[in-house]
Amino acid sequence: MSSEPDDPLHSAIKKKVQRMERAERERPSLLAQTVFMGTLAGLFVLPVIVGAYLGNWLDSHMSGYSVRWTVSLILLGVFIGVINVYRYLKEH
């Protein structure tokens, strides 16, 4: 095998090595990863908490014992949270 610069194997390996070195240099820090995961958690959990609170408030204003609004709005919050996380990950 020749190690001439126009050798396709040599240039492919060189590209992969450069890509690996660049990825190693640009790897996010622990703080950046923690902030990213916290953002994802906030985007998911906040709609669920708002749904639970609002559902509980609505249920407390209805006659009789019912958790219909609480459960419904928690499920809606989970759905909205999943959409939030999906859209955020799609952007980044």
PDB file of N, CA and C in Angstrom:
ATOM      1  N   MET A   1       0.842  -1.188   0.000  1.00  0.00           N
ATOM      2  CA  MET A   1       0.000   0.000   0.000  1.00  0.00           C
ATOM      3  C   MET A   1       0.877   1.237   0.000  1.00  0.00           C
ATOM      4  N   SER A   2       0.451   2.202  -0.707  1.00  0.00           N
ATOM      5  CA  SER A   2       1.219   3.434  -0.723  1.00  0.00           C
ATOM      6  C   SER A   2       0.572   4.441   0.219  1.00  0.00           C
ATOM      7  N   SER A   3       1.389   5.282   0.766  1.00  0.00           N
ATOM      8  CA  SER A   3       0.871   6.303   1.676  1.00  0.00           C
ATOM      9  C   SER A   3       0.888   7.668   1.002  1.00  0.00           C
ATOM     10  N   GLU A   4       0.583   7.671  -0.268  1.00  0.00           N
ATOM     11  CA  GLU A   4       0.520   8.924  -1.010  1.00  0.00           C
ATOM     12  C   GLU A   4      -0.713   9.705  -0.558  1.00  0.00           C
ATOM     13  N   PRO A   5      -0.658  11.017  -0.619  1.00  0.00           N
ATOM     14  CA  PRO A   5      -1.777  11.841  -0.192  1.00  0.00           C
ATOM     15  C   PRO A   5      -3.062  11.580  -0.979  1.00  0.00           C
ATOM     16  N   ASP A   6      -2.964  11.062  -2.218  1.00  0.00           N
ATOM     17  CA  ASP A   6      -4.166  10.834  -3.014  1.00  0.00           C
ATOM     18  C   ASP A   6      -4.758   9.442  -2.795  1.00  0.00           C
ATOM     19  N   ASP A   7      -4.176   8.668  -1.897  1.00  0.00           N
ATOM     20  CA  ASP A   7      -4.695   7.343  -1.572  1.00  0.00           C
ATOM     21  C   ASP A   7      -6.028   7.506  -0.835  1.00  0.00           C
ATOM     22  N   PRO A   8      -7.136   6.897  -1.325  1.00  0.00           N
ATOM     23  CA  PRO A   8      -8.444   7.096  -0.698  1.00  0.00           C
ATOM     24  C   PRO A   8      -8.499   6.581   0.745  1.00  0.00           C
ATOM     25  N   LEU A   9      -7.834   5.468   1.034  1.00  0.00           N
ATOM     26  CA  LEU A   9      -7.837   4.947   2.394  1.00  0.00           C
ATOM     27  C   LEU A   9      -7.120   5.911   3.345  1.00  0.00           C
ATOM     28  N   HIS A  10      -5.993   6.420   2.907  1.00  0.00           N
ATOM     29  CA  HIS A  10      -5.226   7.365   3.723  1.00  0.00           C
ATOM     30  C   HIS A  10      -6.043   8.626   4.015  1.00  0.00           C
ATOM     31  N   SER A  11      -6.696   9.174   3.012  1.00  0.00           N
ATOM     32  CA  SER A  11      -7.473  10.403   3.224  1.00  0.00           C
ATOM     33  C   SER A  11      -8.705  10.136   4.085  1.00  0.00           C
ATOM     34  N   ALA A  12      -9.327   8.960   3.947  1.00  0.00           N
ATOM     35  CA  ALA A  12     -10.493   8.639   4.781  1.00  0.00           C
ATOM     36  C   ALA A  12     -10.091   8.496   6.242  1.00  0.00           C
ATOM     37  N   ILE A  13      -8.963   7.841   6.494  1.00  0.00           N
ATOM     38  CA  ILE A  13      -8.481   7.683   7.867  1.00  0.00           C
ATOM     39  C   ILE A  13      -8.091   9.037   8.452  1.00  0.00           C
ATOM     40  N   LYS A  14      -7.468   9.867   7.649  1.00  0.00           N
ATOM     41  CA  LYS A  14      -7.058  11.188   8.110  1.00  0.00           C
ATOM     42  C   LYS A  14      -8.281  12.032   8.490  1.00  0.00           C
ATOM     43  N   LYS A  15      -9.354  11.952   7.687  1.00  0.00           N
ATOM     44  CA  LYS A  15     -10.583  12.680   7.996  1.00  0.00           C
ATOM     45  C   LYS A  15     -11.188  12.205   9.310  1.00  0.00           C
ATOM     46  N   LYS A  16     -11.222  10.884   9.505  1.00  0.00           N
ATOM     47  CA  LYS A  16     -11.808  10.340  10.728  1.00  0.00           C
ATOM     48  C   LYS A  16     -10.991  10.726  11.961  1.00  0.00           C
ATOM     49  N   VAL A  17      -9.678  10.711  11.835  1.00  0.00           N
ATOM     50  CA  VAL A  17      -8.823  11.109  12.958  1.00  0.00           C
ATOM     51  C   VAL A  17      -9.052  12.578  13.291  1.00  0.00           C
ATOM     52  N   GLN A  18      -9.142  13.429  12.288  1.00  0.00           N
ATOM     53  CA  GLN A  18      -9.385  14.849  12.528  1.00  0.00           C
ATOM     54  C   GLN A  18     -10.747  15.061  13.183  1.00  0.00           C
ATOM     55  N   ARG A  19     -11.754  14.312  12.738  1.00  0.00           N
ATOM     56  CA  ARG A  19     -13.086  14.427  13.320  1.00  0.00           C
ATOM     57  C   ARG A  19     -13.087  13.981  14.782  1.00  0.00           C
ATOM     58  N   MET A  20     -12.366  12.906  15.088  1.00  0.00           N
ATOM     59  CA  MET A  20     -12.285  12.424  16.467  1.00  0.00           C
ATOM     60  C   MET A  20     -11.553  13.423  17.359  1.00  0.00           C
ATOM     61  N   GLU A  21     -10.470  14.024  16.850  1.00  0.00           N
ATOM     62  CA  GLU A  21      -9.731  15.021  17.629  1.00  0.00           C
ATOM     63  C   GLU A  21     -10.588  16.256  17.891  1.00  0.00           C
ATOM     64  N   ARG A  22     -11.346  16.691  16.879  1.00  0.00           N
ATOM     65  CA  ARG A  22     -12.217  17.852  17.052  1.00  0.00           C
ATOM     66  C   ARG A  22     -13.324  17.549  18.066  1.00  0.00           C
ATOM     67  N   ALA A  23     -13.889  16.344  18.018  1.00  0.00           N
ATOM     68  CA  ALA A  23     -14.935  15.961  18.971  1.00  0.00           C
ATOM     69  C   ALA A  23     -14.382  15.931  20.391  1.00  0.00           C
ATOM     70  N   GLU A  24     -13.158  15.481  20.546  1.00  0.00           N
ATOM     71  CA  GLU A  24     -12.540  15.439  21.879  1.00  0.00           C
ATOM     72  C   GLU A  24     -12.319  16.854  22.419  1.00  0.00           C
ATOM     73  N   ARG A  25     -11.911  17.766  21.570  1.00  0.00           N
ATOM     74  CA  ARG A  25     -11.688  19.157  21.996  1.00  0.00           C
ATOM     75  C   ARG A  25     -12.999  19.858  22.327  1.00  0.00           C
ATOM     76  N   GLU A  26     -14.058  19.567  21.583  1.00  0.00           N
ATOM     77  CA  GLU A  26     -15.327  20.279  21.732  1.00  0.00           C
ATOM     78  C   GLU A  26     -16.304  19.570  22.661  1.00  0.00           C
ATOM     79  N   ARG A  27     -15.843  18.567  23.387  1.00  0.00           N
ATOM     80  CA  ARG A  27     -16.735  17.833  24.285  1.00  0.00           C
ATOM     81  C   ARG A  27     -17.239  18.773  25.374  1.00  0.00           C
ATOM     82  N   PRO A  28     -18.566  18.756  25.632  1.00  0.00           N
ATOM     83  CA  PRO A  28     -19.101  19.670  26.646  1.00  0.00           C
ATOM     84  C   PRO A  28     -18.631  19.294  28.052  1.00  0.00           C
ATOM     85  N   SER A  29     -18.512  20.301  28.885  1.00  0.00           N
ATOM     86  CA  SER A  29     -18.063  20.085  30.259  1.00  0.00           C
ATOM     87  C   SER A  29     -19.191  19.481  31.095  1.00  0.00           C
ATOM     88  N   LEU A  30     -18.848  19.092  32.301  1.00  0.00           N
ATOM     89  CA  LEU A  30     -19.849  18.522  33.208  1.00  0.00           C
ATOM     90  C   LEU A  30     -20.924  19.555  33.538  1.00  0.00           C
ATOM     91  N   LEU A  31     -20.522  20.794  33.708  1.00  0.00           N
ATOM     92  CA  LEU A  31     -21.490  21.855  34.003  1.00  0.00           C
ATOM     93  C   LEU A  31     -22.452  22.041  32.822  1.00  0.00           C
ATOM     94  N   ALA A  32     -21.930  22.038  31.610  1.00  0.00           N
ATOM     95  CA  ALA A  32     -22.782  22.201  30.430  1.00  0.00           C
ATOM     96  C   ALA A  32     -23.760  21.036  30.298  1.00  0.00           C
ATOM     97  N   GLN A  33     -23.303  19.826  30.578  1.00  0.00           N
ATOM     98  CA  GLN A  33     -24.190  18.665  30.511  1.00  0.00           C
ATOM     99  C   GLN A  33     -25.256  18.738  31.597  1.00  0.00           C
ATOM    100  N   THR A  34     -24.890  19.207  32.789  1.00  0.00           N
ATOM    101  CA  THR A  34     -25.845  19.337  33.889  1.00  0.00           C
ATOM    102  C   THR A  34     -26.909  20.378  33.557  1.00  0.00           C
ATOM    103  N   VAL A  35     -26.505  21.496  32.989  1.00  0.00           N
ATOM    104  CA  VAL A  35     -27.460  22.538  32.596  1.00  0.00           C
ATOM    105  C   VAL A  35     -28.396  22.006  31.517  1.00  0.00           C
ATOM    106  N   PHE A  36     -27.866  21.262  30.575  1.00  0.00           N
ATOM    107  CA  PHE A  36     -28.681  20.691  29.499  1.00  0.00           C
ATOM    108  C   PHE A  36     -29.734  19.741  30.066  1.00  0.00           C
ATOM    109  N   MET A  37     -29.322  18.847  30.973  1.00  0.00           N
ATOM    110  CA  MET A  37     -30.265  17.897  31.566  1.00  0.00           C
ATOM    111  C   MET A  37     -31.290  18.616  32.451  1.00  0.00           C
ATOM    112  N   GLY A  38     -30.862  19.659  33.150  1.00  0.00           N
ATOM    113  CA  GLY A  38     -31.792  20.436  33.958  1.00  0.00           C
ATOM    114  C   GLY A  38     -32.826  21.142  33.110  1.00  0.00           C
ATOM    115  N   THR A  39     -32.411  21.635  31.969  1.00  0.00           N
ATOM    116  CA  THR A  39     -33.339  22.284  31.045  1.00  0.00           C
ATOM    117  C   THR A  39     -34.373  21.281  30.545  1.00  0.00           C
ATOM    118  N   LEU A  40     -33.907  20.090  30.172  1.00  0.00           N
ATOM    119  CA  LEU A  40     -34.845  19.059  29.714  1.00  0.00           C
ATOM    120  C   LEU A  40     -35.828  18.683  30.821  1.00  0.00           C
ATOM    121  N   ALA A  41     -35.323  18.549  32.036  1.00  0.00           N
ATOM    122  CA  ALA A  41     -36.202  18.201  33.162  1.00  0.00           C
ATOM    123  C   ALA A  41     -37.232  19.303  33.397  1.00  0.00           C
ATOM    124  N   GLY A  42     -36.795  20.543  33.343  1.00  0.00           N
ATOM    125  CA  GLY A  42     -37.723  21.656  33.538  1.00  0.00           C
ATOM    126  C   GLY A  42     -38.781  21.724  32.455  1.00  0.00           C
ATOM    127  N   LEU A  43     -38.374  21.476  31.224  1.00  0.00           N
ATOM    128  CA  LEU A  43     -39.332  21.499  30.125  1.00  0.00           C
ATOM    129  C   LEU A  43     -40.374  20.400  30.251  1.00  0.00           C
ATOM    130  N   PHE A  44     -40.004  19.289  30.870  1.00  0.00           N
ATOM    131  CA  PHE A  44     -40.942  18.188  31.025  1.00  0.00           C
ATOM    132  C   PHE A  44     -41.777  18.309  32.300  1.00  0.00           C
ATOM    133  N   VAL A  45     -41.143  18.631  33.412  1.00  0.00           N
ATOM    134  CA  VAL A  45     -41.818  18.582  34.711  1.00  0.00           C
ATOM    135  C   VAL A  45     -42.741  19.776  34.932  1.00  0.00           C
ATOM    136  N   LEU A  46     -42.369  20.941  34.466  1.00  0.00           N
ATOM    137  CA  LEU A  46     -43.175  22.130  34.726  1.00  0.00           C
ATOM    138  C   LEU A  46     -44.610  22.005  34.220  1.00  0.00           C
ATOM    139  N   PRO A  47     -44.878  21.558  32.989  1.00  0.00           N
ATOM    140  CA  PRO A  47     -46.279  21.400  32.567  1.00  0.00           C
ATOM    141  C   PRO A  47     -47.046  20.361  33.396  1.00  0.00           C
ATOM    142  N   VAL A  48     -46.368  19.318  33.856  1.00  0.00           N
ATOM    143  CA  VAL A  48     -47.032  18.305  34.684  1.00  0.00           C
ATOM    144  C   VAL A  48     -47.444  18.911  36.023  1.00  0.00           C
ATOM    145  N   ILE A  49     -46.573  19.686  36.640  1.00  0.00           N
ATOM    146  CA  ILE A  49     -46.887  20.312  37.931  1.00  0.00           C
ATOM    147  C   ILE A  49     -48.007  21.334  37.780  1.00  0.00           C
ATOM    148  N   VAL A  50     -47.956  22.131  36.728  1.00  0.00           N
ATOM    149  CA  VAL A  50     -49.016  23.114  36.489  1.00  0.00           C
ATOM    150  C   VAL A  50     -50.347  22.396  36.261  1.00  0.00           C
ATOM    151  N   GLY A  51     -50.326  21.307  35.489  1.00  0.00           N
ATOM    152  CA  GLY A  51     -51.551  20.545  35.258  1.00  0.00           C
ATOM    153  C   GLY A  51     -52.098  19.952  36.543  1.00  0.00           C
ATOM    154  N   ALA A  52     -51.238  19.415  37.390  1.00  0.00           N
ATOM    155  CA  ALA A  52     -51.688  18.829  38.654  1.00  0.00           C
ATOM    156  C   ALA A  52     -52.286  19.909  39.564  1.00  0.00           C
ATOM    157  N   TYR A  53     -51.625  21.039  39.650  1.00  0.00           N
ATOM    158  CA  TYR A  53     -52.117  22.118  40.508  1.00  0.00           C
ATOM    159  C   TYR A  53     -53.458  22.650  40.001  1.00  0.00           C
ATOM    160  N   LEU A  54     -53.530  22.928  38.702  1.00  0.00           N
ATOM    161  CA  LEU A  54     -54.769  23.454  38.134  1.00  0.00           C
ATOM    162  C   LEU A  54     -55.900  22.427  38.232  1.00  0.00           C
ATOM    163  N   GLY A  55     -55.604  21.156  37.984  1.00  0.00           N
ATOM    164  CA  GLY A  55     -56.620  20.115  38.103  1.00  0.00           C
ATOM    165  C   GLY A  55     -57.126  19.962  39.522  1.00  0.00           C
ATOM    166  N   ASN A  56     -56.220  20.023  40.488  1.00  0.00           N
ATOM    167  CA  ASN A  56     -56.623  19.939  41.898  1.00  0.00           C
ATOM    168  C   ASN A  56     -57.494  21.134  42.273  1.00  0.00           C
ATOM    169  N   TRP A  57     -57.133  22.305  41.798  1.00  0.00           N
ATOM    170  CA  TRP A  57     -57.920  23.498  42.081  1.00  0.00           C
ATOM    171  C   TRP A  57     -59.323  23.378  41.484  1.00  0.00           C
ATOM    172  N   LEU A  58     -59.418  22.891  40.242  1.00  0.00           N
ATOM    173  CA  LEU A  58     -60.735  22.712  39.622  1.00  0.00           C
ATOM    174  C   LEU A  58     -61.560  21.655  40.354  1.00  0.00           C
ATOM    175  N   ASP A  59     -60.911  20.564  40.752  1.00  0.00           N
ATOM    176  CA  ASP A  59     -61.626  19.510  41.472  1.00  0.00           C
ATOM    177  C   ASP A  59     -62.126  19.994  42.827  1.00  0.00           C
ATOM    178  N   SER A  60     -61.399  20.879  43.468  1.00  0.00           N
ATOM    179  CA  SER A  60     -61.819  21.371  44.784  1.00  0.00           C
ATOM    180  C   SER A  60     -63.046  22.268  44.686  1.00  0.00           C
ATOM    181  N   HIS A  61     -63.300  22.832  43.513  1.00  0.00           N
ATOM    182  CA  HIS A  61     -64.457  23.702  43.328  1.00  0.00           C
ATOM    183  C   HIS A  61     -65.682  22.947  42.819  1.00  0.00           C
ATOM    184  N   MET A  62     -65.580  21.654  42.630  1.00  0.00           N
ATOM    185  CA  MET A  62     -66.716  20.857  42.167  1.00  0.00           C
ATOM    186  C   MET A  62     -67.304  20.097  43.351  1.00  0.00           C
ATOM    187  N   SER A  63     -68.587  19.832  43.283  1.00  0.00           N
ATOM    188  CA  SER A  63     -69.232  19.099  44.376  1.00  0.00           C
ATOM    189  C   SER A  63     -68.902  17.611  44.280  1.00  0.00           C
ATOM    190  N   GLY A  64     -68.754  16.963  45.417  1.00  0.00           N
ATOM    191  CA  GLY A  64     -68.433  15.538  45.425  1.00  0.00           C
ATOM    192  C   GLY A  64     -66.935  15.323  45.303  1.00  0.00           C
ATOM    193  N   TYR A  65     -66.531  14.091  45.553  1.00  0.00           N
ATOM    194  CA  TYR A  65     -65.110  13.761  45.479  1.00  0.00           C
ATOM    195  C   TYR A  65     -64.784  13.271  44.079  1.00  0.00           C
ATOM    196  N   SER A  66     -63.918  13.972  43.418  1.00  0.00           N
ATOM    197  CA  SER A  66     -63.541  13.588  42.065  1.00  0.00           C
ATOM    198  C   SER A  66     -62.114  14.042  41.796  1.00  0.00           C
ATOM    199  N   VAL A  67     -61.403  13.239  41.066  1.00  0.00           N
ATOM    200  CA  VAL A  67     -60.041  13.610  40.650  1.00  0.00           C
ATOM    201  C   VAL A  67     -59.961  13.656  39.125  1.00  0.00           C
ATOM    202  N   ARG A  68     -61.118  13.802  38.522  1.00  0.00           N
ATOM    203  CA  ARG A  68     -61.193  13.783  37.057  1.00  0.00           C
ATOM    204  C   ARG A  68     -60.319  14.865  36.426  1.00  0.00           C
ATOM    205  N   TRP A  69     -60.438  16.099  36.895  1.00  0.00           N
ATOM    206  CA  TRP A  69     -59.648  17.185  36.319  1.00  0.00           C
ATOM    207  C   TRP A  69     -58.162  17.014  36.621  1.00  0.00           C
ATOM    208  N   THR A  70     -57.852  16.570  37.817  1.00  0.00           N
ATOM    209  CA  THR A  70     -56.445  16.400  38.194  1.00  0.00           C
ATOM    210  C   THR A  70     -55.764  15.392  37.282  1.00  0.00           C
ATOM    211  N   VAL A  71     -56.367  14.236  37.129  1.00  0.00           N
ATOM    212  CA  VAL A  71     -55.771  13.196  36.279  1.00  0.00           C
ATOM    213  C   VAL A  71     -55.706  13.655  34.827  1.00  0.00           C
ATOM    214  N   SER A  72     -56.777  14.258  34.353  1.00  0.00           N
ATOM    215  CA  SER A  72     -56.807  14.710  32.956  1.00  0.00           C
ATOM    216  C   SER A  72     -55.725  15.753  32.674  1.00  0.00           C
ATOM    217  N   LEU A  73     -55.587  16.699  33.586  1.00  0.00           N
ATOM    218  CA  LEU A  73     -54.609  17.761  33.342  1.00  0.00           C
ATOM    219  C   LEU A  73     -53.172  17.292  33.588  1.00  0.00           C
ATOM    220  N   ILE A  74     -52.975  16.294  34.449  1.00  0.00           N
ATOM    221  CA  ILE A  74     -51.636  15.710  34.584  1.00  0.00           C
ATOM    222  C   ILE A  74     -51.248  15.022  33.285  1.00  0.00           C
ATOM    223  N   LEU A  75     -52.180  14.262  32.704  1.00  0.00           N
ATOM    224  CA  LEU A  75     -51.887  13.594  31.427  1.00  0.00           C
ATOM    225  C   LEU A  75     -51.641  14.605  30.312  1.00  0.00           C
ATOM    226  N   LEU A  76     -52.417  15.682  30.312  1.00  0.00           N
ATOM    227  CA  LEU A  76     -52.175  16.748  29.337  1.00  0.00           C
ATOM    228  C   LEU A  76     -50.795  17.373  29.560  1.00  0.00           C
ATOM    229  N   GLY A  77     -50.411  17.554  30.814  1.00  0.00           N
ATOM    230  CA  GLY A  77     -49.086  18.097  31.130  1.00  0.00           C
ATOM    231  C   GLY A  77     -47.966  17.180  30.662  1.00  0.00           C
ATOM    232  N   VAL A  78     -48.158  15.868  30.811  1.00  0.00           N
ATOM    233  CA  VAL A  78     -47.155  14.913  30.329  1.00  0.00           C
ATOM    234  C   VAL A  78     -47.032  15.023  28.810  1.00  0.00           C
ATOM    235  N   PHE A  79     -48.152  15.104  28.130  1.00  0.00           N
ATOM    236  CA  PHE A  79     -48.148  15.225  26.665  1.00  0.00           C
ATOM    237  C   PHE A  79     -47.436  16.508  26.228  1.00  0.00           C
ATOM    238  N   ILE A  80     -47.765  17.611  26.872  1.00  0.00           N
ATOM    239  CA  ILE A  80     -47.121  18.886  26.532  1.00  0.00           C
ATOM    240  C   ILE A  80     -45.628  18.839  26.866  1.00  0.00           C
ATOM    241  N   GLY A  81     -45.276  18.212  27.983  1.00  0.00           N
ATOM    242  CA  GLY A  81     -43.863  18.074  28.349  1.00  0.00           C
ATOM    243  C   GLY A  81     -43.074  17.280  27.326  1.00  0.00           C
ATOM    244  N   VAL A  82     -43.654  16.195  26.836  1.00  0.00           N
ATOM    245  CA  VAL A  82     -42.984  15.395  25.811  1.00  0.00           C
ATOM    246  C   VAL A  82     -42.783  16.214  24.538  1.00  0.00           C
ATOM    247  N   ILE A  83     -43.790  16.970  24.161  1.00  0.00           N
ATOM    248  CA  ILE A  83     -43.658  17.823  22.968  1.00  0.00           C
ATOM    249  C   ILE A  83     -42.579  18.881  23.186  1.00  0.00           C
ATOM    250  N   ASN A  84     -42.542  19.485  24.381  1.00  0.00           N
ATOM    251  CA  ASN A  84     -41.512  20.482  24.687  1.00  0.00           C
ATOM    252  C   ASN A  84     -40.107  19.898  24.546  1.00  0.00           C
ATOM    253  N   VAL A  85     -39.894  18.717  25.138  1.00  0.00           N
ATOM    254  CA  VAL A  85     -38.575  18.083  25.088  1.00  0.00           C
ATOM    255  C   VAL A  85     -38.219  17.725  23.650  1.00  0.00           C
ATOM    256  N   TYR A  86     -39.169  17.191  22.903  1.00  0.00           N
ATOM    257  CA  TYR A  86     -38.918  16.833  21.506  1.00  0.00           C
ATOM    258  C   TYR A  86     -38.514  18.062  20.689  1.00  0.00           C
ATOM    259  N   ARG A  87     -39.250  19.153  20.849  1.00  0.00           N
ATOM    260  CA  ARG A  87     -38.936  20.359  20.079  1.00  0.00           C
ATOM    261  C   ARG A  87     -37.575  20.940  20.480  1.00  0.00           C
ATOM    262  N   TYR A  88     -37.249  20.877  21.780  1.00  0.00           N
ATOM    263  CA  TYR A  88     -35.962  21.399  22.245  1.00  0.00           C
ATOM    264  C   TYR A  88     -34.812  20.562  21.680  1.00  0.00           C
ATOM    265  N   LEU A  89     -34.968  19.236  21.726  1.00  0.00           N
ATOM    266  CA  LEU A  89     -33.911  18.369  21.203  1.00  0.00           C
ATOM    267  C   LEU A  89     -33.776  18.510  19.686  1.00  0.00           C
ATOM    268  N   LYS A  90     -34.876  18.775  19.010  1.00  0.00           N
ATOM    269  CA  LYS A  90     -34.841  18.946  17.555  1.00  0.00           C
ATOM    270  C   LYS A  90     -34.068  20.207  17.179  1.00  0.00           C
ATOM    271  N   GLU A  91     -34.171  21.249  18.010  1.00  0.00           N
ATOM    272  CA  GLU A  91     -33.445  22.498  17.757  1.00  0.00           C
ATOM    273  C   GLU A  91     -31.954  22.359  18.009  1.00  0.00           C
ATOM    274  N   HIS A  92     -31.601  21.579  19.035  1.00  0.00           N
ATOM    275  CA  HIS A  92     -30.195  21.484  19.422  1.00  0.00           C
ATOM    276  C   HIS A  92     -29.640  20.206  18.990  1.00  0.00           C
TER     277      HIS A  92
END
